[in-house]
Amino acid sequence: MQTLSFLDFAVIAAYLIGTLALGLYIGSKIKTGSDYFLAGRRLPWWAIGMSLVATDIGAVDIVGTGGAAHQHGLAVANFEWIGCVPAMIIAAFVFIPFFWRSGVTTIPEYMERRFNVAVRSALAICWIIFMACNLGIMLLASAKMMHVHLGMSVDACIYLTAFLVGVYTISGGLAAVVYTDMIQCVIMIGGCLLVLVLGIIDLGGINEFQAAIEKQEQIQRTQELVKNQKRLGVADPKLVCIDIQPYGSSQAPERGDILNIGGFSDAVFNVVSSYLNDDTNRFVAEVESTEL
């Protein structure tokens, strides 16, 4: 594997320091609780939409979805097409209007108004447990990427990521999260698209790219995956019910943001990620095996 140059490390350091500085700067402008938890209700729709996309993609998709696509084929993209997009539509038209009109800050707060404090506390505890497990997966996926590229231990990468993200999130509140998400959204999508294009060029062009897919017998691999009872989105509509939960609660921007930016962009990203990892990674693996 090619090692990173000094310029590469300088760019990474500048990105991390810049993100941290932006979060701290936004935090210095916070005056009220509304500023902290709701960004003063002044966030533009496009910022909310980009934040939603950035929140829903990241190392888990690049490492996890890409790795599954490399192993099983592009059928894993159905997890997003079947599970994500319909869930966003249902959340936008069924759940979000209730929360938006009520003017609540959190979903547990709405549950207290609708039921009682016990229900609110139970939901809050469930979300804390869920997010703790979810964050653990995200931190591990991010750490594995950093471990490969930076040469640091996985534990050190986890601590570094948790520290940087924790500082700007805690100090800057929702506004810091949204505006740093915007930067990360551009970097992640732009970077993946660039690598996809460069990977196709490295393969020799679009025709060779398509030939590589056919060579690996993607259809046969998909059939084997179904026979092994490993669930695909196309065969598991329960994914819609599962994905309604995050899009209807923890990620609850305006309805139009979910439909116009979140659903389409997220689904496209995961298909691109699947293509990217399935074929460019296989190409690299073939080259490395040839060299050995």
C-alpha atoms as a PDB file:
ATOM      1  CA  MET A   1       0.000   0.000   0.000  1.00  0.00           C
ATOM      2  CA  GLN A   2       1.279   3.463  -0.874  1.00  0.00           C
ATOM      3  CA  THR A   3       2.162   5.536   2.178  1.00  0.00           C
ATOM      4  CA  LEU A   4       0.849   9.036   2.718  1.00  0.00           C
ATOM      5  CA  SER A   5       3.118  11.977   2.007  1.00  0.00           C
ATOM      6  CA  PHE A   6       3.739  15.009   4.188  1.00  0.00           C
ATOM      7  CA  LEU A   7       1.229  16.960   2.087  1.00  0.00           C
ATOM      8  CA  ASP A   8      -1.426  14.298   2.746  1.00  0.00           C
ATOM      9  CA  PHE A   9      -0.890  14.541   6.486  1.00  0.00           C
ATOM     10  CA  ALA A  10      -0.951  18.343   6.278  1.00  0.00           C
ATOM     11  CA  VAL A  11      -4.332  18.294   4.512  1.00  0.00           C
ATOM     12  CA  ILE A  12      -5.770  15.853   7.067  1.00  0.00           C
ATOM     13  CA  ALA A  13      -4.462  17.936   9.967  1.00  0.00           C
ATOM     14  CA  ALA A  14      -5.830  21.145   8.441  1.00  0.00           C
ATOM     15  CA  TYR A  15      -9.240  19.522   8.001  1.00  0.00           C
ATOM     16  CA  LEU A  16      -9.384  18.265  11.594  1.00  0.00           C
ATOM     17  CA  ILE A  17      -8.153  21.542  13.069  1.00  0.00           C
ATOM     18  CA  GLY A  18     -10.489  23.568  10.852  1.00  0.00           C
ATOM     19  CA  THR A  19     -13.504  21.471  11.845  1.00  0.00           C
ATOM     20  CA  LEU A  20     -12.654  21.827  15.518  1.00  0.00           C
ATOM     21  CA  ALA A  21     -12.097  25.582  15.186  1.00  0.00           C
ATOM     22  CA  LEU A  22     -15.423  26.056  13.380  1.00  0.00           C
ATOM     23  CA  GLY A  23     -17.287  24.212  16.124  1.00  0.00           C
ATOM     24  CA  LEU A  24     -15.621  26.257  18.849  1.00  0.00           C
ATOM     25  CA  TYR A  25     -16.331  29.516  16.996  1.00  0.00           C
ATOM     26  CA  ILE A  26     -20.010  28.682  16.627  1.00  0.00           C
ATOM     27  CA  GLY A  27     -20.102  27.730  20.299  1.00  0.00           C
ATOM     28  CA  SER A  28     -18.837  31.181  21.243  1.00  0.00           C
ATOM     29  CA  LYS A  29     -21.964  32.711  19.635  1.00  0.00           C
ATOM     30  CA  ILE A  30     -24.443  30.683  21.684  1.00  0.00           C
ATOM     31  CA  LYS A  31     -26.534  32.808  24.046  1.00  0.00           C
ATOM     32  CA  THR A  32     -29.622  30.755  24.892  1.00  0.00           C
ATOM     33  CA  GLY A  33     -30.801  27.185  25.194  1.00  0.00           C
ATOM     34  CA  SER A  34     -32.648  27.571  21.906  1.00  0.00           C
ATOM     35  CA  ASP A  35     -29.376  28.555  20.233  1.00  0.00           C
ATOM     36  CA  TYR A  36     -27.707  25.434  21.584  1.00  0.00           C
ATOM     37  CA  PHE A  37     -30.376  22.792  20.985  1.00  0.00           C
ATOM     38  CA  LEU A  38     -32.195  24.259  17.960  1.00  0.00           C
ATOM     39  CA  ALA A  39     -29.594  26.631  16.466  1.00  0.00           C
ATOM     40  CA  GLY A  40     -32.032  29.428  17.251  1.00  0.00           C
ATOM     41  CA  ARG A  41     -34.422  27.925  14.652  1.00  0.00           C
ATOM     42  CA  ARG A  42     -32.491  29.888  12.027  1.00  0.00           C
ATOM     43  CA  LEU A  43     -30.939  27.077   9.992  1.00  0.00           C
ATOM     44  CA  PRO A  44     -31.635  27.260   6.223  1.00  0.00           C
ATOM     45  CA  TRP A  45     -33.264  24.277   4.535  1.00  0.00           C
ATOM     46  CA  TRP A  46     -30.228  23.405   2.440  1.00  0.00           C
ATOM     47  CA  ALA A  47     -27.998  23.260   5.526  1.00  0.00           C
ATOM     48  CA  ILE A  48     -30.430  20.915   7.264  1.00  0.00           C
ATOM     49  CA  GLY A  49     -30.621  18.730   4.168  1.00  0.00           C
ATOM     50  CA  MET A  50     -26.855  18.462   3.781  1.00  0.00           C
ATOM     51  CA  SER A  51     -26.515  17.696   7.475  1.00  0.00           C
ATOM     52  CA  LEU A  52     -29.053  14.899   7.145  1.00  0.00           C
ATOM     53  CA  VAL A  53     -27.098  13.364   4.270  1.00  0.00           C
ATOM     54  CA  ALA A  54     -23.773  13.670   6.102  1.00  0.00           C
ATOM     55  CA  THR A  55     -25.292  12.203   9.264  1.00  0.00           C
ATOM     56  CA  ASP A  56     -26.593   9.178   7.418  1.00  0.00           C
ATOM     57  CA  ILE A  57     -23.396   8.360   5.534  1.00  0.00           C
ATOM     58  CA  GLY A  58     -19.821   8.007   6.640  1.00  0.00           C
ATOM     59  CA  ALA A  59     -17.300   5.369   7.563  1.00  0.00           C
ATOM     60  CA  VAL A  60     -20.029   2.815   8.271  1.00  0.00           C
ATOM     61  CA  ASP A  61     -21.280   3.100   4.682  1.00  0.00           C
ATOM     62  CA  ILE A  62     -17.865   3.337   3.063  1.00  0.00           C
ATOM     63  CA  VAL A  63     -16.401   0.452   5.058  1.00  0.00           C
ATOM     64  CA  GLY A  64     -19.535  -1.575   5.831  1.00  0.00           C
ATOM     65  CA  THR A  65     -21.687  -1.177   2.718  1.00  0.00           C
ATOM     66  CA  GLY A  66     -18.639  -1.131   0.486  1.00  0.00           C
ATOM     67  CA  GLY A  67     -17.232  -4.243   2.118  1.00  0.00           C
ATOM     68  CA  ALA A  68     -20.551  -6.072   1.769  1.00  0.00           C
ATOM     69  CA  ALA A  69     -20.736  -5.059  -1.899  1.00  0.00           C
ATOM     70  CA  HIS A  70     -17.202  -6.313  -2.440  1.00  0.00           C
ATOM     71  CA  GLN A  71     -18.159  -9.646  -0.899  1.00  0.00           C
ATOM     72  CA  HIS A  72     -21.714 -10.146  -2.182  1.00  0.00           C
ATOM     73  CA  GLY A  73     -22.276  -7.754  -5.094  1.00  0.00           C
ATOM     74  CA  LEU A  74     -24.413  -4.696  -5.734  1.00  0.00           C
ATOM     75  CA  ALA A  75     -27.535  -6.293  -4.275  1.00  0.00           C
ATOM     76  CA  VAL A  76     -26.618  -4.764  -0.909  1.00  0.00           C
ATOM     77  CA  ALA A  77     -27.627  -1.365  -2.341  1.00  0.00           C
ATOM     78  CA  ASN A  78     -31.230  -2.542  -1.942  1.00  0.00           C
ATOM     79  CA  PHE A  79     -30.895  -1.959   1.785  1.00  0.00           C
ATOM     80  CA  GLU A  80     -31.032   1.753   0.993  1.00  0.00           C
ATOM     81  CA  TRP A  81     -33.434   1.777  -1.951  1.00  0.00           C
ATOM     82  CA  ILE A  82     -35.998  -0.390  -0.162  1.00  0.00           C
ATOM     83  CA  GLY A  83     -35.366   0.523   3.452  1.00  0.00           C
ATOM     84  CA  CYS A  84     -34.254   4.148   3.383  1.00  0.00           C
ATOM     85  CA  VAL A  85     -36.273   5.977   0.723  1.00  0.00           C
ATOM     86  CA  PRO A  86     -39.775   4.689   1.643  1.00  0.00           C
ATOM     87  CA  ALA A  87     -38.990   5.222   5.325  1.00  0.00           C
ATOM     88  CA  MET A  88     -38.103   8.862   4.651  1.00  0.00           C
ATOM     89  CA  ILE A  89     -41.336   9.420   2.738  1.00  0.00           C
ATOM     90  CA  ILE A  90     -43.470   7.876   5.492  1.00  0.00           C
ATOM     91  CA  ALA A  91     -41.626   9.796   8.198  1.00  0.00           C
ATOM     92  CA  ALA A  92     -41.961  13.074   6.276  1.00  0.00           C
ATOM     93  CA  PHE A  93     -45.714  12.829   5.719  1.00  0.00           C
ATOM     94  CA  VAL A  94     -46.867  10.919   8.802  1.00  0.00           C
ATOM     95  CA  PHE A  95     -44.588  11.638  11.765  1.00  0.00           C
ATOM     96  CA  ILE A  96     -42.684  14.873  11.176  1.00  0.00           C
ATOM     97  CA  PRO A  97     -45.801  17.112  10.832  1.00  0.00           C
ATOM     98  CA  PHE A  98     -46.925  16.162  14.349  1.00  0.00           C
ATOM     99  CA  PHE A  99     -43.533  16.913  15.859  1.00  0.00           C
ATOM    100  CA  TRP A 100     -43.076  20.143  13.903  1.00  0.00           C
ATOM    101  CA  ARG A 101     -46.466  21.607  14.849  1.00  0.00           C
ATOM    102  CA  SER A 102     -46.027  20.716  18.515  1.00  0.00           C
ATOM    103  CA  GLY A 103     -42.883  22.847  18.780  1.00  0.00           C
ATOM    104  CA  VAL A 104     -41.035  20.325  20.928  1.00  0.00           C
ATOM    105  CA  THR A 105     -37.260  20.205  21.221  1.00  0.00           C
ATOM    106  CA  THR A 106     -36.944  16.422  21.463  1.00  0.00           C
ATOM    107  CA  ILE A 107     -39.115  13.423  20.652  1.00  0.00           C
ATOM    108  CA  PRO A 108     -39.165  12.237  24.299  1.00  0.00           C
ATOM    109  CA  GLU A 109     -40.610  15.659  25.153  1.00  0.00           C
ATOM    110  CA  TYR A 110     -43.453  15.022  22.716  1.00  0.00           C
ATOM    111  CA  MET A 111     -44.046  11.589  24.259  1.00  0.00           C
ATOM    112  CA  GLU A 112     -44.415  13.187  27.688  1.00  0.00           C
ATOM    113  CA  ARG A 113     -47.064  15.568  26.350  1.00  0.00           C
ATOM    114  CA  ARG A 114     -48.895  12.737  24.636  1.00  0.00           C
ATOM    115  CA  PHE A 115     -48.597  10.186  27.462  1.00  0.00           C
ATOM    116  CA  ASN A 116     -46.630  10.772  30.678  1.00  0.00           C
ATOM    117  CA  VAL A 117     -43.179  11.169  32.207  1.00  0.00           C
ATOM    118  CA  ALA A 118     -42.673   7.399  32.446  1.00  0.00           C
ATOM    119  CA  VAL A 119     -43.042   6.992  28.679  1.00  0.00           C
ATOM    120  CA  ARG A 120     -40.697   9.911  28.079  1.00  0.00           C
ATOM    121  CA  SER A 121     -38.062   8.425  30.387  1.00  0.00           C
ATOM    122  CA  ALA A 122     -38.378   4.968  28.845  1.00  0.00           C
ATOM    123  CA  LEU A 123     -37.930   6.339  25.324  1.00  0.00           C
ATOM    124  CA  ALA A 124     -34.975   8.481  26.378  1.00  0.00           C
ATOM    125  CA  ILE A 125     -33.259   5.487  27.996  1.00  0.00           C
ATOM    126  CA  CYS A 126     -33.851   3.356  24.898  1.00  0.00           C
ATOM    127  CA  TRP A 127     -32.346   6.066  22.699  1.00  0.00           C
ATOM    128  CA  ILE A 128     -29.310   6.442  24.955  1.00  0.00           C
ATOM    129  CA  ILE A 129     -28.630   2.702  24.751  1.00  0.00           C
ATOM    130  CA  PHE A 130     -29.207   2.653  20.991  1.00  0.00           C
ATOM    131  CA  MET A 131     -26.975   5.654  20.324  1.00  0.00           C
ATOM    132  CA  ALA A 132     -24.207   4.292  22.563  1.00  0.00           C
ATOM    133  CA  CYS A 133     -24.130   1.076  20.533  1.00  0.00           C
ATOM    134  CA  ASN A 134     -24.474   2.952  17.248  1.00  0.00           C
ATOM    135  CA  LEU A 135     -21.669   5.367  18.074  1.00  0.00           C
ATOM    136  CA  GLY A 136     -19.442   2.447  18.997  1.00  0.00           C
ATOM    137  CA  ILE A 137     -19.893   0.966  15.528  1.00  0.00           C
ATOM    138  CA  MET A 138     -19.277   4.326  13.851  1.00  0.00           C
ATOM    139  CA  LEU A 139     -16.145   5.007  15.876  1.00  0.00           C
ATOM    140  CA  LEU A 140     -14.767   1.543  15.137  1.00  0.00           C
ATOM    141  CA  ALA A 141     -15.399   1.885  11.395  1.00  0.00           C
ATOM    142  CA  SER A 142     -13.759   5.317  11.363  1.00  0.00           C
ATOM    143  CA  ALA A 143     -10.835   4.023  13.411  1.00  0.00           C
ATOM    144  CA  LYS A 144     -10.219   1.168  10.992  1.00  0.00           C
ATOM    145  CA  MET A 145      -9.989   3.612   8.096  1.00  0.00           C
ATOM    146  CA  MET A 146      -7.630   5.876  10.029  1.00  0.00           C
ATOM    147  CA  HIS A 147      -5.561   2.896  11.181  1.00  0.00           C
ATOM    148  CA  VAL A 148      -4.913   1.821   7.596  1.00  0.00           C
ATOM    149  CA  HIS A 149      -4.071   5.282   6.283  1.00  0.00           C
ATOM    150  CA  LEU A 150      -2.363   6.889   9.278  1.00  0.00           C
ATOM    151  CA  GLY A 151      -0.700   3.873  10.859  1.00  0.00           C
ATOM    152  CA  MET A 152      -2.060   4.701  14.323  1.00  0.00           C
ATOM    153  CA  SER A 153      -3.497   2.014  16.580  1.00  0.00           C
ATOM    154  CA  VAL A 154      -7.241   1.433  16.398  1.00  0.00           C
ATOM    155  CA  ASP A 155      -7.667   2.464  20.041  1.00  0.00           C
ATOM    156  CA  ALA A 156      -5.788   5.723  19.492  1.00  0.00           C
ATOM    157  CA  CYS A 157      -7.922   6.488  16.427  1.00  0.00           C
ATOM    158  CA  ILE A 158     -11.108   5.899  18.428  1.00  0.00           C
ATOM    159  CA  TYR A 159      -9.979   8.214  21.228  1.00  0.00           C
ATOM    160  CA  LEU A 160      -8.873  10.922  18.782  1.00  0.00           C
ATOM    161  CA  THR A 161     -12.118  10.827  16.803  1.00  0.00           C
ATOM    162  CA  ALA A 162     -14.292  10.811  19.919  1.00  0.00           C
ATOM    163  CA  PHE A 163     -12.346  13.736  21.382  1.00  0.00           C
ATOM    164  CA  LEU A 164     -12.492  15.947  18.281  1.00  0.00           C
ATOM    165  CA  VAL A 165     -16.159  15.277  17.536  1.00  0.00           C
ATOM    166  CA  GLY A 166     -17.109  15.541  21.196  1.00  0.00           C
ATOM    167  CA  VAL A 167     -15.416  18.918  21.649  1.00  0.00           C
ATOM    168  CA  TYR A 168     -17.070  20.722  18.735  1.00  0.00           C
ATOM    169  CA  THR A 169     -20.434  19.028  19.313  1.00  0.00           C
ATOM    170  CA  ILE A 170     -20.620  19.791  23.030  1.00  0.00           C
ATOM    171  CA  SER A 171     -19.289  23.329  22.655  1.00  0.00           C
ATOM    172  CA  GLY A 172     -21.241  24.345  19.556  1.00  0.00           C
ATOM    173  CA  GLY A 173     -24.538  22.493  19.849  1.00  0.00           C
ATOM    174  CA  LEU A 174     -26.789  21.817  16.867  1.00  0.00           C
ATOM    175  CA  ALA A 175     -25.450  24.669  14.744  1.00  0.00           C
ATOM    176  CA  ALA A 176     -21.891  23.350  15.028  1.00  0.00           C
ATOM    177  CA  VAL A 177     -23.044  19.882  14.062  1.00  0.00           C
ATOM    178  CA  VAL A 178     -24.986  21.114  11.026  1.00  0.00           C
ATOM    179  CA  TYR A 179     -22.313  23.406   9.606  1.00  0.00           C
ATOM    180  CA  THR A 180     -19.483  20.914  10.104  1.00  0.00           C
ATOM    181  CA  ASP A 181     -21.745  18.278   8.538  1.00  0.00           C
ATOM    182  CA  MET A 182     -22.048  20.477   5.459  1.00  0.00           C
ATOM    183  CA  ILE A 183     -18.288  20.434   4.982  1.00  0.00           C
ATOM    184  CA  GLN A 184     -18.114  16.702   5.579  1.00  0.00           C
ATOM    185  CA  CYS A 185     -20.976  16.080   3.150  1.00  0.00           C
ATOM    186  CA  VAL A 186     -19.118  17.806   0.314  1.00  0.00           C
ATOM    187  CA  ILE A 187     -15.859  16.025   1.142  1.00  0.00           C
ATOM    188  CA  MET A 188     -17.384  12.547   1.442  1.00  0.00           C
ATOM    189  CA  ILE A 189     -19.592  12.635  -1.643  1.00  0.00           C
ATOM    190  CA  GLY A 190     -17.045  14.518  -3.739  1.00  0.00           C
ATOM    191  CA  GLY A 191     -14.228  12.233  -2.630  1.00  0.00           C
ATOM    192  CA  CYS A 192     -16.159   9.033  -3.316  1.00  0.00           C
ATOM    193  CA  LEU A 193     -17.245  10.228  -6.752  1.00  0.00           C
ATOM    194  CA  LEU A 194     -13.655  11.191  -7.557  1.00  0.00           C
ATOM    195  CA  VAL A 195     -12.330   7.799  -6.462  1.00  0.00           C
ATOM    196  CA  LEU A 196     -15.065   6.092  -8.491  1.00  0.00           C
ATOM    197  CA  VAL A 197     -14.054   7.980 -11.633  1.00  0.00           C
ATOM    198  CA  LEU A 198     -10.353   7.344 -11.041  1.00  0.00           C
ATOM    199  CA  GLY A 199     -11.083   3.671 -10.377  1.00  0.00           C
ATOM    200  CA  ILE A 200     -12.936   3.307 -13.678  1.00  0.00           C
ATOM    201  CA  ILE A 201     -10.085   5.044 -15.487  1.00  0.00           C
ATOM    202  CA  ASP A 202      -7.623   2.710 -13.770  1.00  0.00           C
ATOM    203  CA  LEU A 203      -9.624  -0.273 -14.981  1.00  0.00           C
ATOM    204  CA  GLY A 204      -9.310   0.994 -18.544  1.00  0.00           C
ATOM    205  CA  GLY A 205     -12.665   2.663 -19.098  1.00  0.00           C
ATOM    206  CA  ILE A 206     -16.385   2.079 -18.726  1.00  0.00           C
ATOM    207  CA  ASN A 207     -16.393  -0.987 -20.991  1.00  0.00           C
ATOM    208  CA  GLU A 208     -13.743  -2.697 -18.897  1.00  0.00           C
ATOM    209  CA  PHE A 209     -15.673  -1.658 -15.803  1.00  0.00           C
ATOM    210  CA  GLN A 210     -18.810  -3.404 -17.074  1.00  0.00           C
ATOM    211  CA  ALA A 211     -16.790  -6.416 -18.172  1.00  0.00           C
ATOM    212  CA  ALA A 212     -15.315  -6.723 -14.687  1.00  0.00           C
ATOM    213  CA  ILE A 213     -18.816  -6.856 -13.228  1.00  0.00           C
ATOM    214  CA  GLU A 214     -19.898  -9.558 -15.663  1.00  0.00           C
ATOM    215  CA  LYS A 215     -16.691 -11.483 -15.061  1.00  0.00           C
ATOM    216  CA  GLN A 216     -17.452 -11.748 -11.379  1.00  0.00           C
ATOM    217  CA  GLU A 217     -20.894 -13.177 -12.156  1.00  0.00           C
ATOM    218  CA  GLN A 218     -22.819 -10.729 -10.033  1.00  0.00           C
ATOM    219  CA  ILE A 219     -26.176 -12.339 -10.744  1.00  0.00           C
ATOM    220  CA  GLN A 220     -24.951 -15.742  -9.626  1.00  0.00           C
ATOM    221  CA  ARG A 221     -23.399 -14.246  -6.503  1.00  0.00           C
ATOM    222  CA  THR A 222     -26.708 -12.575  -5.685  1.00  0.00           C
ATOM    223  CA  GLN A 223     -28.597 -15.847  -6.083  1.00  0.00           C
ATOM    224  CA  GLU A 224     -26.136 -17.585  -3.783  1.00  0.00           C
ATOM    225  CA  LEU A 225     -26.632 -14.816  -1.258  1.00  0.00           C
ATOM    226  CA  VAL A 226     -30.393 -15.380  -1.248  1.00  0.00           C
ATOM    227  CA  LYS A 227     -29.937 -19.147  -0.959  1.00  0.00           C
ATOM    228  CA  ASN A 228     -27.777 -18.604   2.099  1.00  0.00           C
ATOM    229  CA  GLN A 229     -30.670 -16.636   3.632  1.00  0.00           C
ATOM    230  CA  LYS A 230     -28.618 -13.486   3.996  1.00  0.00           C
ATOM    231  CA  ARG A 231     -31.281 -10.832   3.773  1.00  0.00           C
ATOM    232  CA  LEU A 232     -31.383  -8.340   0.951  1.00  0.00           C
ATOM    233  CA  GLY A 233     -33.471  -5.192   0.926  1.00  0.00           C
ATOM    234  CA  VAL A 234     -35.404  -6.410  -2.092  1.00  0.00           C
ATOM    235  CA  ALA A 235     -36.541  -9.434  -0.094  1.00  0.00           C
ATOM    236  CA  ASP A 236     -37.013  -7.779   3.271  1.00  0.00           C
ATOM    237  CA  PRO A 237     -39.601  -4.961   3.344  1.00  0.00           C
ATOM    238  CA  LYS A 238     -39.312  -4.886   7.149  1.00  0.00           C
ATOM    239  CA  LEU A 239     -36.367  -2.560   6.561  1.00  0.00           C
ATOM    240  CA  VAL A 240     -38.898   0.201   5.883  1.00  0.00           C
ATOM    241  CA  CYS A 241     -40.318  -0.183   9.385  1.00  0.00           C
ATOM    242  CA  ILE A 242     -36.837  -0.227  10.914  1.00  0.00           C
ATOM    243  CA  ASP A 243     -35.674   2.917   9.107  1.00  0.00           C
ATOM    244  CA  ILE A 244     -38.781   4.938   9.942  1.00  0.00           C
ATOM    245  CA  GLN A 245     -37.511   5.173  13.523  1.00  0.00           C
ATOM    246  CA  PRO A 246     -34.355   7.254  12.892  1.00  0.00           C
ATOM    247  CA  TYR A 247     -35.892   9.408  10.163  1.00  0.00           C
ATOM    248  CA  GLY A 248     -38.989  10.080  12.228  1.00  0.00           C
ATOM    249  CA  SER A 249     -37.241  10.865  15.480  1.00  0.00           C
ATOM    250  CA  SER A 250     -33.489  11.378  15.840  1.00  0.00           C
ATOM    251  CA  GLN A 251     -33.234  13.032  12.415  1.00  0.00           C
ATOM    252  CA  ALA A 252     -36.299  15.226  12.159  1.00  0.00           C
ATOM    253  CA  PRO A 253     -35.782  18.257   9.906  1.00  0.00           C
ATOM    254  CA  GLU A 254     -38.504  19.716   7.744  1.00  0.00           C
ATOM    255  CA  ARG A 255     -40.468  17.409   5.492  1.00  0.00           C
ATOM    256  CA  GLY A 256     -39.135  18.836   2.241  1.00  0.00           C
ATOM    257  CA  ASP A 257     -35.523  18.402   3.334  1.00  0.00           C
ATOM    258  CA  ILE A 258     -36.057  14.704   3.942  1.00  0.00           C
ATOM    259  CA  LEU A 259     -37.675  14.125   0.566  1.00  0.00           C
ATOM    260  CA  ASN A 260     -35.659  16.384  -1.714  1.00  0.00           C
ATOM    261  CA  ILE A 261     -32.148  15.945  -0.369  1.00  0.00           C
ATOM    262  CA  GLY A 262     -31.983  13.176   2.162  1.00  0.00           C
ATOM    263  CA  GLY A 263     -33.642  10.223   0.447  1.00  0.00           C
ATOM    264  CA  PHE A 264     -32.292  10.580  -3.070  1.00  0.00           C
ATOM    265  CA  SER A 265     -28.774  11.601  -2.090  1.00  0.00           C
ATOM    266  CA  ASP A 266     -28.414   8.871   0.497  1.00  0.00           C
ATOM    267  CA  ALA A 267     -29.615   6.148  -1.847  1.00  0.00           C
ATOM    268  CA  VAL A 268     -27.392   7.361  -4.679  1.00  0.00           C
ATOM    269  CA  PHE A 269     -24.406   7.554  -2.339  1.00  0.00           C
ATOM    270  CA  ASN A 270     -24.806   3.962  -1.255  1.00  0.00           C
ATOM    271  CA  VAL A 271     -25.127   2.713  -4.820  1.00  0.00           C
ATOM    272  CA  VAL A 272     -21.989   4.673  -5.727  1.00  0.00           C
ATOM    273  CA  SER A 273     -20.266   3.298  -2.642  1.00  0.00           C
ATOM    274  CA  SER A 274     -21.256  -0.218  -3.643  1.00  0.00           C
ATOM    275  CA  TYR A 275     -19.924   0.217  -7.179  1.00  0.00           C
ATOM    276  CA  LEU A 276     -16.799   1.889  -5.912  1.00  0.00           C
ATOM    277  CA  ASN A 277     -15.839  -0.769  -3.412  1.00  0.00           C
ATOM    278  CA  ASP A 278     -17.082  -3.758  -5.368  1.00  0.00           C
ATOM    279  CA  ASP A 279     -14.981  -3.178  -8.455  1.00  0.00           C
ATOM    280  CA  THR A 280     -12.104  -0.881  -7.626  1.00  0.00           C
ATOM    281  CA  ASN A 281     -11.279  -2.900  -4.504  1.00  0.00           C
ATOM    282  CA  ARG A 282     -11.488  -6.121  -6.475  1.00  0.00           C
ATOM    283  CA  PHE A 283      -9.209  -4.622  -9.102  1.00  0.00           C
ATOM    284  CA  VAL A 284      -6.683  -3.672  -6.430  1.00  0.00           C
ATOM    285  CA  ALA A 285      -6.905  -7.142  -4.897  1.00  0.00           C
ATOM    286  CA  GLU A 286      -6.252  -8.743  -8.280  1.00  0.00           C
ATOM    287  CA  VAL A 287      -3.250  -6.509  -8.862  1.00  0.00           C
ATOM    288  CA  GLU A 288      -1.811  -7.273  -5.433  1.00  0.00           C
ATOM    289  CA  SER A 289      -2.267 -11.019  -5.906  1.00  0.00           C
ATOM    290  CA  THR A 290      -0.554 -10.789  -9.285  1.00  0.00           C
ATOM    291  CA  GLU A 291       2.387  -8.942  -7.782  1.00  0.00           C
ATOM    292  CA  LEU A 292       2.747 -11.574  -5.074  1.00  0.00           C
END
